[in-house]
Amino acid sequence: MSIAILGPTFQDLAANVNRNISSLSLLFVGRATGFLGGTVVGGVLFDRTNQYFLLGVSMLATAAVLYLIPFCKTAFLVIVTMSGFGASTGVVDTGANVLILALWGDKGAPHMQALHFSFALGAVLAPLLAKLAWGTAASAQNHTESDFDPLMLNRSSEASTGSLFAPPDDMNLLWAYASISTYILVVSVFLFGLFCKKHSKQKKSTASAQVARRAKYHWALLCLLFLFFFFYVGAEVTYGSYVFSFATTHVGMEESEAAGLNSIFWGTFAACRGLAIFFATVLQPGTMIVLSNIGSLASSFFLVLFDKNHLCLWIATSVYGASMATTFPSGISWVEQYTTLTGKSAAFFVIGAALGDMAIPAVIGILQGHYPDLPVVLYTCLGSAIFTAVLFPVMYKLATLPLERQRKGRKQSEDQKALSTSSRL
């Protein structure tokens, strides 16, 4: 919820600091930069600090920064504050995955799916909370043309001169952020309670998990997973971000129909993440990745093939959203079966996902501007689906190669023992 709340309240934040939307776009850059820094720092600290305590501190910092954002009255200050928010969520993102692996290891696939389902659920609930629960007719009037009149902006800026922090004019903006911050604050209290209760147990479980196993090609496997998540997350965010504009400009859909297409992508994405909690109890993570790769490859192929067919767009978009849902948590659970993930190694592939989130949509936006008649977004999804479908068998071979050698060695030794026993007889 804390990450997704920025989208529906972005215009309110711009009005709060007397800026237009385009001049405040650095807000996203600041958040992404902070997230990358938090991921790196969190990966190092989670190997040295109690994980419950660090998660509690990170959630407490996230709550404090979210409380502060609506009170920021300058663009620079809100960007810096949002960078701090990105850093704290980067620590949480890495730490939550590491903690589940430390507690359940390679048996934690359903728990990992539940964690990532909660992320999708929060992304669905945040716009509803921002615009339906706290949004009123008064808040809607804040976005009329008169509010962005230069004279009024000048008066507002003169009134707020000298004050870096002040309560926002739109109190609904304050309540939207305050309600989410309060929820996060409550969660941090529970994490501190777990830290006090299970301090000694956590040390033992973490130590045993770290020495459990290490793949022969540990870092090579993580580098491939880095690339896998880079293209997977990049394609997911690209399609979710551009499907609306693609449907209206390239396909010729009405805005209401394009909005429905966008909603069905994220709706099937969230629904299948919920169903994956139960699927993970009967299916191996590798099987779920293969099924997801097949679904994303087939649906993106049909999207490219019938890019202007409305019915095909609806069906293929639904399948594509469902296919993309389980890949990330399944990938983490899969690699844990072959090599134990520490904080640093988890941070490594989370950085890959974050870079894909930043780089691929930005590049596609530029290419789409240069080639408006081509479905660049669909080509990107198909290319990423092909890359991940080819890369996963390579990853699987690299992970299981030492195991196959061990099995052959055991079989040869067993044969030699049988021969020696028969010769003695």
Protein backbone atom coordinates (compact mmCIF):
# COMPACT_ATOMS: atom_id res chain seq x y z
CA MET A 1 0.00 0.00 0.00
CA SER A 2 2.80 2.42 0.87
CA ILE A 3 4.45 1.99 -2.55
CA ALA A 4 1.22 2.11 -4.57
CA ILE A 5 -0.22 5.17 -2.79
CA LEU A 6 2.09 7.50 -4.74
CA GLY A 7 0.29 6.93 -8.06
CA PRO A 8 -3.24 8.05 -7.08
CA THR A 9 -1.94 10.89 -4.85
CA PHE A 10 0.78 12.19 -7.18
CA GLN A 11 -1.33 15.10 -8.42
CA ASP A 12 -2.25 16.01 -4.84
CA LEU A 13 1.42 16.03 -3.81
CA ALA A 14 2.29 18.25 -6.78
CA ALA A 15 -0.43 20.73 -5.78
CA ASN A 16 0.78 20.58 -2.17
CA VAL A 17 4.24 21.86 -3.18
CA ASN A 18 2.87 24.27 -5.82
CA ARG A 19 4.29 22.38 -8.79
CA ASN A 20 2.81 20.74 -11.86
CA ILE A 21 3.10 17.02 -12.42
CA SER A 22 5.88 17.12 -15.02
CA SER A 23 8.18 19.21 -12.81
CA LEU A 24 7.78 16.70 -9.95
CA SER A 25 8.62 13.58 -11.98
CA LEU A 26 11.98 13.36 -10.15
CA LEU A 27 9.94 12.02 -7.25
CA PHE A 28 9.97 8.58 -8.89
CA VAL A 29 13.70 8.81 -9.58
CA GLY A 30 14.36 9.70 -5.95
CA ARG A 31 12.28 6.78 -4.70
CA ALA A 32 13.98 4.32 -7.08
CA THR A 33 17.46 5.57 -6.12
CA GLY A 34 16.66 5.24 -2.44
CA PHE A 35 15.26 1.76 -3.02
CA LEU A 36 18.48 0.58 -4.68
CA GLY A 37 20.58 2.00 -1.84
CA GLY A 38 18.30 0.43 0.79
CA THR A 39 18.47 -2.94 -0.95
CA VAL A 40 22.28 -2.92 -0.88
CA VAL A 41 22.50 -1.77 2.74
CA GLY A 42 19.76 -4.18 3.83
CA GLY A 43 21.51 -7.12 2.16
CA VAL A 44 24.66 -6.43 4.18
CA LEU A 45 22.89 -5.72 7.48
CA PHE A 46 20.64 -8.79 7.35
CA ASP A 47 23.72 -11.02 7.50
CA ARG A 48 24.99 -9.18 10.60
CA THR A 49 21.89 -8.10 12.54
CA ASN A 50 18.84 -9.81 13.98
CA GLN A 51 16.34 -9.94 11.13
CA TYR A 52 13.23 -9.23 13.22
CA PHE A 53 14.85 -6.17 14.74
CA LEU A 54 16.06 -4.80 11.40
CA LEU A 55 12.66 -5.34 9.78
CA GLY A 56 10.98 -3.62 12.73
CA VAL A 57 13.33 -0.61 12.47
CA SER A 58 12.79 -0.41 8.70
CA MET A 59 9.01 -0.52 9.06
CA LEU A 60 9.20 2.12 11.80
CA ALA A 61 11.27 4.35 9.50
CA THR A 62 8.81 3.76 6.64
CA ALA A 63 5.90 4.82 8.85
CA ALA A 64 7.73 7.96 10.03
CA VAL A 65 8.63 9.05 6.48
CA LEU A 66 5.09 8.44 5.22
CA TYR A 67 3.71 10.60 8.05
CA LEU A 68 6.14 13.34 6.98
CA ILE A 69 5.48 13.39 3.21
CA PRO A 70 2.15 15.32 3.25
CA PHE A 71 3.74 18.02 5.44
CA CYS A 72 6.58 18.76 2.97
CA LYS A 73 6.00 22.15 1.30
CA THR A 74 8.89 22.25 -1.21
CA ALA A 75 9.60 19.99 -4.17
CA PHE A 76 13.19 19.36 -3.10
CA LEU A 77 12.14 18.35 0.39
CA VAL A 78 9.46 15.93 -0.78
CA ILE A 79 11.91 14.31 -3.23
CA VAL A 80 14.52 13.86 -0.47
CA THR A 81 11.86 12.46 1.86
CA MET A 82 10.66 10.08 -0.84
CA SER A 83 14.27 8.90 -1.29
CA GLY A 84 14.34 8.03 2.41
CA PHE A 85 11.08 6.17 1.95
CA GLY A 86 12.60 4.20 -0.96
CA ALA A 87 15.63 3.29 1.18
CA SER A 88 13.50 1.92 4.03
CA THR A 89 11.26 -0.08 1.68
CA GLY A 90 14.37 -1.45 -0.05
CA VAL A 91 15.50 -2.88 3.28
CA VAL A 92 12.02 -4.32 3.90
CA ASP A 93 11.80 -5.87 0.42
CA THR A 94 15.11 -7.70 0.81
CA GLY A 95 14.60 -8.59 4.46
CA ALA A 96 11.12 -10.07 4.10
CA ASN A 97 12.29 -12.54 1.45
CA VAL A 98 15.39 -13.45 3.45
CA LEU A 99 13.40 -13.94 6.66
CA ILE A 100 10.94 -16.36 5.02
CA LEU A 101 13.83 -18.39 3.60
CA ALA A 102 15.55 -18.38 7.01
CA LEU A 103 12.40 -19.67 8.73
CA TRP A 104 11.16 -22.26 6.21
CA GLY A 105 14.04 -22.76 3.74
CA ASP A 106 13.13 -24.72 0.62
CA LYS A 107 9.79 -25.67 2.23
CA GLY A 108 8.62 -22.06 2.25
CA ALA A 109 7.15 -21.81 -1.27
CA PRO A 110 3.53 -21.25 -0.06
CA HIS A 111 4.73 -18.65 2.45
CA MET A 112 6.73 -16.87 -0.26
CA GLN A 113 3.67 -16.82 -2.54
CA ALA A 114 1.59 -15.42 0.35
CA LEU A 115 4.13 -12.63 0.91
CA HIS A 116 4.02 -11.55 -2.73
CA PHE A 117 0.23 -11.89 -2.86
CA SER A 118 0.06 -9.38 0.00
CA PHE A 119 2.12 -7.00 -2.14
CA ALA A 120 -0.36 -7.32 -5.03
CA LEU A 121 -3.31 -6.95 -2.65
CA GLY A 122 -1.87 -3.76 -1.18
CA ALA A 123 -1.35 -2.34 -4.68
CA VAL A 124 -5.04 -2.96 -5.42
CA LEU A 125 -6.28 -1.50 -2.11
CA ALA A 126 -4.14 1.67 -2.08
CA PRO A 127 -6.01 3.55 -4.88
CA LEU A 128 -9.33 2.59 -3.29
CA LEU A 129 -8.15 3.93 0.06
CA ALA A 130 -6.82 7.14 -1.47
CA LYS A 131 -9.78 8.04 -3.69
CA LEU A 132 -12.80 6.23 -2.28
CA ALA A 133 -12.26 6.02 1.48
CA TRP A 134 -10.77 9.53 1.91
CA GLY A 135 -11.63 11.16 -1.43
CA THR A 136 -14.59 13.56 -1.35
CA ALA A 137 -16.14 16.13 -3.63
CA ALA A 138 -13.97 18.73 -1.94
CA SER A 139 -10.79 16.86 -2.80
CA ALA A 140 -11.93 16.45 -6.39
CA GLN A 141 -12.24 20.23 -6.65
CA ASN A 142 -8.54 20.50 -5.84
CA HIS A 143 -7.76 19.38 -9.38
CA THR A 144 -9.79 21.96 -11.28
CA GLU A 145 -8.11 24.42 -13.57
CA SER A 146 -8.43 27.28 -11.05
CA ASP A 147 -6.16 25.48 -8.59
CA PHE A 148 -3.31 25.56 -11.10
CA ASP A 149 -3.78 29.20 -11.95
CA PRO A 150 -0.34 30.90 -11.76
CA LEU A 151 -1.67 33.80 -9.66
CA MET A 152 -3.10 31.44 -7.05
CA LEU A 153 0.10 29.41 -7.02
CA ASN A 154 2.11 32.56 -6.43
CA ARG A 155 -0.15 33.60 -3.55
CA SER A 156 0.10 30.12 -2.05
CA SER A 157 3.86 30.11 -2.38
CA GLU A 158 4.09 33.56 -0.76
CA ALA A 159 1.93 32.34 2.11
CA SER A 160 4.13 29.36 2.72
CA THR A 161 7.45 31.19 2.34
CA GLY A 162 9.85 30.31 5.12
CA SER A 163 8.05 27.14 6.18
CA LEU A 164 9.46 23.86 4.96
CA PHE A 165 6.82 21.84 6.83
CA ALA A 166 3.16 22.71 7.19
CA PRO A 167 -0.15 20.82 7.24
CA PRO A 168 -1.49 20.24 3.69
CA ASP A 169 -4.47 22.23 2.42
CA ASP A 170 -6.08 18.96 1.32
CA MET A 171 -6.63 17.06 4.57
CA ASN A 172 -7.69 13.95 2.61
CA LEU A 173 -4.08 13.69 1.41
CA LEU A 174 -2.94 13.72 5.04
CA TRP A 175 -5.45 11.08 6.12
CA ALA A 176 -4.59 8.75 3.22
CA TYR A 177 -0.90 8.73 4.15
CA ALA A 178 -1.56 8.75 7.91
CA SER A 179 -3.85 5.70 7.77
CA ILE A 180 -1.27 3.63 5.89
CA SER A 181 1.51 4.89 8.18
CA THR A 182 -0.46 3.87 11.26
CA TYR A 183 -0.98 0.37 9.87
CA ILE A 184 2.76 0.05 9.16
CA LEU A 185 3.52 1.31 12.68
CA VAL A 186 1.35 -1.45 14.18
CA VAL A 187 3.15 -4.08 12.07
CA SER A 188 6.54 -2.78 13.28
CA VAL A 189 5.40 -3.19 16.90
CA PHE A 190 4.62 -6.89 16.22
CA LEU A 191 8.06 -7.33 14.62
CA PHE A 192 9.74 -5.84 17.69
CA GLY A 193 7.67 -8.24 19.80
CA LEU A 194 8.97 -11.19 17.76
CA PHE A 195 12.50 -9.85 18.20
CA CYS A 196 12.11 -9.84 21.98
CA LYS A 197 10.50 -13.28 22.05
CA LYS A 198 12.57 -15.26 19.54
CA HIS A 199 15.98 -13.62 19.72
CA SER A 200 17.91 -16.79 20.57
CA LYS A 201 15.90 -19.07 18.26
CA GLN A 202 16.44 -16.74 15.31
CA LYS A 203 20.22 -16.86 15.79
CA LYS A 204 20.25 -20.63 15.73
CA SER A 205 17.96 -20.97 12.71
CA THR A 206 19.90 -18.38 10.71
CA ALA A 207 23.24 -20.02 11.46
CA SER A 208 21.97 -23.46 10.49
CA ALA A 209 20.38 -22.14 7.27
CA GLN A 210 23.56 -20.38 6.17
CA VAL A 211 25.74 -23.50 6.37
CA ALA A 212 23.06 -25.84 4.98
CA ARG A 213 24.17 -25.89 1.35
CA ARG A 214 25.97 -23.83 -1.26
CA ALA A 215 25.83 -24.60 -4.95
CA LYS A 216 29.11 -25.16 -6.75
CA TYR A 217 28.24 -22.36 -9.19
CA HIS A 218 26.60 -20.16 -6.56
CA TRP A 219 27.43 -16.74 -7.96
CA ALA A 220 27.02 -17.81 -11.58
CA LEU A 221 23.52 -18.98 -10.67
CA LEU A 222 22.77 -15.67 -8.94
CA CYS A 223 24.03 -13.70 -11.96
CA LEU A 224 21.65 -15.62 -14.23
CA LEU A 225 18.83 -15.03 -11.72
CA PHE A 226 19.75 -11.33 -11.77
CA LEU A 227 19.23 -11.27 -15.55
CA PHE A 228 16.09 -13.41 -15.29
CA PHE A 229 14.43 -11.00 -12.84
CA PHE A 230 15.73 -7.96 -14.77
CA PHE A 231 13.80 -8.93 -17.89
CA TYR A 232 10.81 -10.44 -16.07
CA VAL A 233 10.12 -7.40 -13.84
CA GLY A 234 10.91 -5.02 -16.70
CA ALA A 235 8.31 -6.70 -18.91
CA GLU A 236 5.73 -6.82 -16.11
CA VAL A 237 6.06 -3.12 -15.27
CA THR A 238 6.28 -2.10 -18.94
CA TYR A 239 3.04 -3.82 -19.91
CA GLY A 240 1.22 -2.65 -16.79
CA SER A 241 2.40 0.94 -17.34
CA TYR A 242 1.86 1.24 -21.10
CA VAL A 243 -1.11 -1.00 -21.87
CA PHE A 244 -3.56 1.89 -21.38
CA SER A 245 -1.79 4.26 -23.78
CA PHE A 246 -1.09 1.41 -26.21
CA ALA A 247 -4.78 0.44 -26.29
CA THR A 248 -5.95 4.01 -26.90
CA THR A 249 -3.35 5.12 -29.47
CA HIS A 250 -2.43 1.94 -31.34
CA VAL A 251 -5.63 -0.12 -31.08
CA GLY A 252 -8.11 2.76 -31.01
CA MET A 253 -9.98 1.76 -27.84
CA GLU A 254 -12.08 4.17 -25.83
CA GLU A 255 -10.48 5.33 -22.59
CA SER A 256 -13.01 3.43 -20.48
CA GLU A 257 -12.31 0.21 -22.36
CA ALA A 258 -8.53 0.75 -22.14
CA ALA A 259 -8.85 1.32 -18.39
CA GLY A 260 -10.72 -1.98 -18.14
CA LEU A 261 -7.91 -3.70 -20.06
CA ASN A 262 -5.40 -2.26 -17.62
CA SER A 263 -7.51 -3.35 -14.65
CA ILE A 264 -7.92 -6.91 -15.90
CA PHE A 265 -4.14 -7.27 -16.22
CA TRP A 266 -3.53 -6.31 -12.59
CA GLY A 267 -6.70 -8.09 -11.44
CA THR A 268 -5.67 -11.47 -12.86
CA PHE A 269 -2.14 -10.80 -11.62
CA ALA A 270 -3.34 -10.33 -8.03
CA ALA A 271 -5.89 -13.18 -8.19
CA CYS A 272 -3.33 -15.71 -9.43
CA ARG A 273 -0.87 -14.68 -6.75
CA GLY A 274 -3.55 -15.54 -4.23
CA LEU A 275 -4.27 -18.90 -5.88
CA ALA A 276 -0.53 -19.62 -6.05
CA ILE A 277 -0.46 -19.95 -2.26
CA PHE A 278 -2.44 -23.18 -2.65
CA PHE A 279 -0.75 -24.28 -5.89
CA ALA A 280 2.65 -24.03 -4.17
CA THR A 281 1.64 -26.77 -1.71
CA VAL A 282 1.28 -29.34 -4.52
CA LEU A 283 3.60 -28.03 -7.25
CA GLN A 284 7.36 -27.57 -7.18
CA PRO A 285 8.66 -24.00 -7.74
CA GLY A 286 10.43 -25.11 -10.92
CA THR A 287 7.16 -26.49 -12.32
CA MET A 288 5.38 -23.21 -11.57
CA ILE A 289 8.13 -21.26 -13.34
CA VAL A 290 7.85 -23.48 -16.43
CA LEU A 291 4.06 -23.08 -16.52
CA SER A 292 4.42 -19.30 -16.09
CA ASN A 293 7.00 -19.13 -18.90
CA ILE A 294 4.74 -21.12 -21.24
CA GLY A 295 1.75 -18.89 -20.43
CA SER A 296 3.65 -15.62 -20.86
CA LEU A 297 5.31 -16.83 -24.07
CA ALA A 298 2.00 -17.97 -25.63
CA SER A 299 0.02 -14.90 -24.57
CA SER A 300 2.68 -12.38 -25.66
CA PHE A 301 2.99 -14.20 -29.01
CA PHE A 302 -0.77 -13.86 -29.59
CA LEU A 303 -0.63 -10.21 -28.50
CA VAL A 304 1.96 -9.50 -31.20
CA LEU A 305 0.14 -11.61 -33.79
CA PHE A 306 -3.31 -10.04 -33.24
CA ASP A 307 -2.29 -6.66 -31.87
CA LYS A 308 -5.43 -4.85 -33.12
CA ASN A 309 -8.01 -7.53 -32.35
CA HIS A 310 -10.00 -6.38 -29.31
CA LEU A 311 -11.16 -9.84 -28.21
CA CYS A 312 -7.65 -11.29 -28.48
CA LEU A 313 -6.28 -8.35 -26.49
CA TRP A 314 -8.70 -9.01 -23.64
CA ILE A 315 -8.04 -12.76 -23.53
CA ALA A 316 -4.26 -12.55 -24.02
CA THR A 317 -3.93 -9.72 -21.46
CA SER A 318 -5.77 -11.83 -18.88
CA VAL A 319 -3.53 -14.83 -19.54
CA TYR A 320 -0.41 -12.66 -19.53
CA GLY A 321 -1.29 -11.13 -16.15
CA ALA A 322 -2.01 -14.56 -14.68
CA SER A 323 1.22 -16.00 -16.12
CA MET A 324 3.41 -13.22 -14.73
CA ALA A 325 1.98 -13.49 -11.21
CA THR A 326 3.96 -16.37 -9.70
CA THR A 327 7.34 -16.07 -11.42
CA PHE A 328 9.15 -13.85 -8.91
CA PRO A 329 8.27 -15.71 -5.67
CA SER A 330 8.69 -19.07 -7.43
CA GLY A 331 12.14 -18.03 -8.63
CA ILE A 332 13.27 -17.23 -5.08
CA SER A 333 11.88 -20.52 -3.73
CA TRP A 334 13.42 -22.46 -6.61
CA VAL A 335 16.97 -21.18 -6.16
CA GLU A 336 16.76 -21.80 -2.39
CA GLN A 337 16.43 -25.53 -3.16
CA TYR A 338 19.97 -25.58 -4.54
CA THR A 339 21.84 -22.86 -2.64
CA THR A 340 21.15 -21.01 0.59
CA LEU A 341 20.33 -17.34 0.08
CA THR A 342 21.93 -14.84 2.46
CA GLY A 343 21.08 -11.17 2.76
CA LYS A 344 23.76 -10.18 0.25
CA SER A 345 22.73 -12.73 -2.36
CA ALA A 346 19.04 -11.81 -1.98
CA ALA A 347 19.91 -8.13 -2.35
CA PHE A 348 21.83 -8.96 -5.54
CA PHE A 349 18.86 -10.31 -7.50
CA VAL A 350 16.45 -7.78 -5.95
CA ILE A 351 18.70 -5.08 -7.43
CA GLY A 352 18.36 -6.83 -10.80
CA ALA A 353 14.58 -6.65 -10.51
CA ALA A 354 14.73 -2.97 -9.46
CA LEU A 355 17.00 -2.07 -12.39
CA GLY A 356 14.61 -3.84 -14.79
CA ASP A 357 11.77 -1.84 -13.23
CA MET A 358 13.68 1.40 -13.91
CA ALA A 359 15.48 0.79 -17.19
CA ILE A 360 13.16 -1.17 -19.49
CA PRO A 361 10.04 1.04 -19.15
CA ALA A 362 12.20 4.16 -19.67
CA VAL A 363 13.80 2.76 -22.83
CA ILE A 364 10.46 1.55 -24.18
CA GLY A 365 8.95 5.00 -23.61
CA ILE A 366 11.69 6.54 -25.77
CA LEU A 367 11.38 3.87 -28.50
CA GLN A 368 7.59 4.17 -28.58
CA GLY A 369 7.98 7.90 -29.19
CA HIS A 370 10.33 7.27 -32.13
CA TYR A 371 8.24 4.44 -33.62
CA PRO A 372 4.61 5.26 -32.80
CA ASP A 373 3.19 2.92 -35.45
CA LEU A 374 4.90 -0.18 -34.04
CA PRO A 375 3.68 -2.14 -30.99
CA VAL A 376 7.01 -1.72 -29.20
CA VAL A 377 5.45 -2.66 -25.86
CA LEU A 378 4.28 -6.03 -27.21
CA TYR A 379 7.63 -6.73 -28.86
CA THR A 380 9.29 -6.10 -25.50
CA CYS A 381 6.97 -8.52 -23.71
CA LEU A 382 7.56 -11.21 -26.34
CA GLY A 383 11.33 -10.69 -26.30
CA SER A 384 11.45 -10.87 -22.50
CA ALA A 385 9.27 -14.02 -22.52
CA ILE A 386 11.62 -15.70 -25.03
CA PHE A 387 14.69 -14.67 -23.01
CA THR A 388 13.34 -15.97 -19.69
CA ALA A 389 12.03 -19.18 -21.31
CA VAL A 390 15.51 -19.89 -22.71
CA LEU A 391 17.38 -18.77 -19.59
CA PHE A 392 15.56 -20.93 -17.06
CA PRO A 393 16.69 -24.31 -18.53
CA VAL A 394 20.26 -22.96 -18.46
CA MET A 395 19.82 -22.03 -14.81
CA TYR A 396 18.33 -25.45 -14.04
CA LYS A 397 21.22 -27.24 -15.75
CA LEU A 398 23.76 -25.14 -13.86
CA ALA A 399 22.05 -25.82 -10.54
CA THR A 400 21.69 -29.58 -11.03
CA LEU A 401 25.02 -30.29 -12.78
CA PRO A 402 26.98 -31.00 -9.56
CA LEU A 403 24.11 -33.19 -8.33
CA GLU A 404 24.23 -35.28 -11.50
CA ARG A 405 27.98 -35.75 -11.09
CA GLN A 406 27.47 -36.82 -7.48
CA ARG A 407 24.83 -39.36 -8.53
CA LYS A 408 27.13 -40.77 -11.23
CA GLY A 409 29.97 -40.99 -8.71
CA ARG A 410 27.76 -42.78 -6.20
CA LYS A 411 26.52 -45.19 -8.86
CA GLN A 412 30.08 -46.00 -9.96
CA SER A 413 31.19 -46.58 -6.36
CA GLU A 414 28.17 -48.82 -5.75
CA ASP A 415 29.00 -50.83 -8.89
CA GLN A 416 32.62 -51.21 -7.77
CA LYS A 417 31.51 -52.41 -4.34
CA ALA A 418 29.14 -54.93 -5.95
CA LEU A 419 31.92 -56.22 -8.23
CA SER A 420 34.39 -56.55 -5.37
CA THR A 421 31.78 -58.36 -3.24
CA SER A 422 30.97 -60.81 -6.06
CA SER A 423 34.66 -61.50 -6.70
CA ARG A 424 35.18 -62.33 -3.03
CA LEU A 425 32.23 -64.71 -3.09
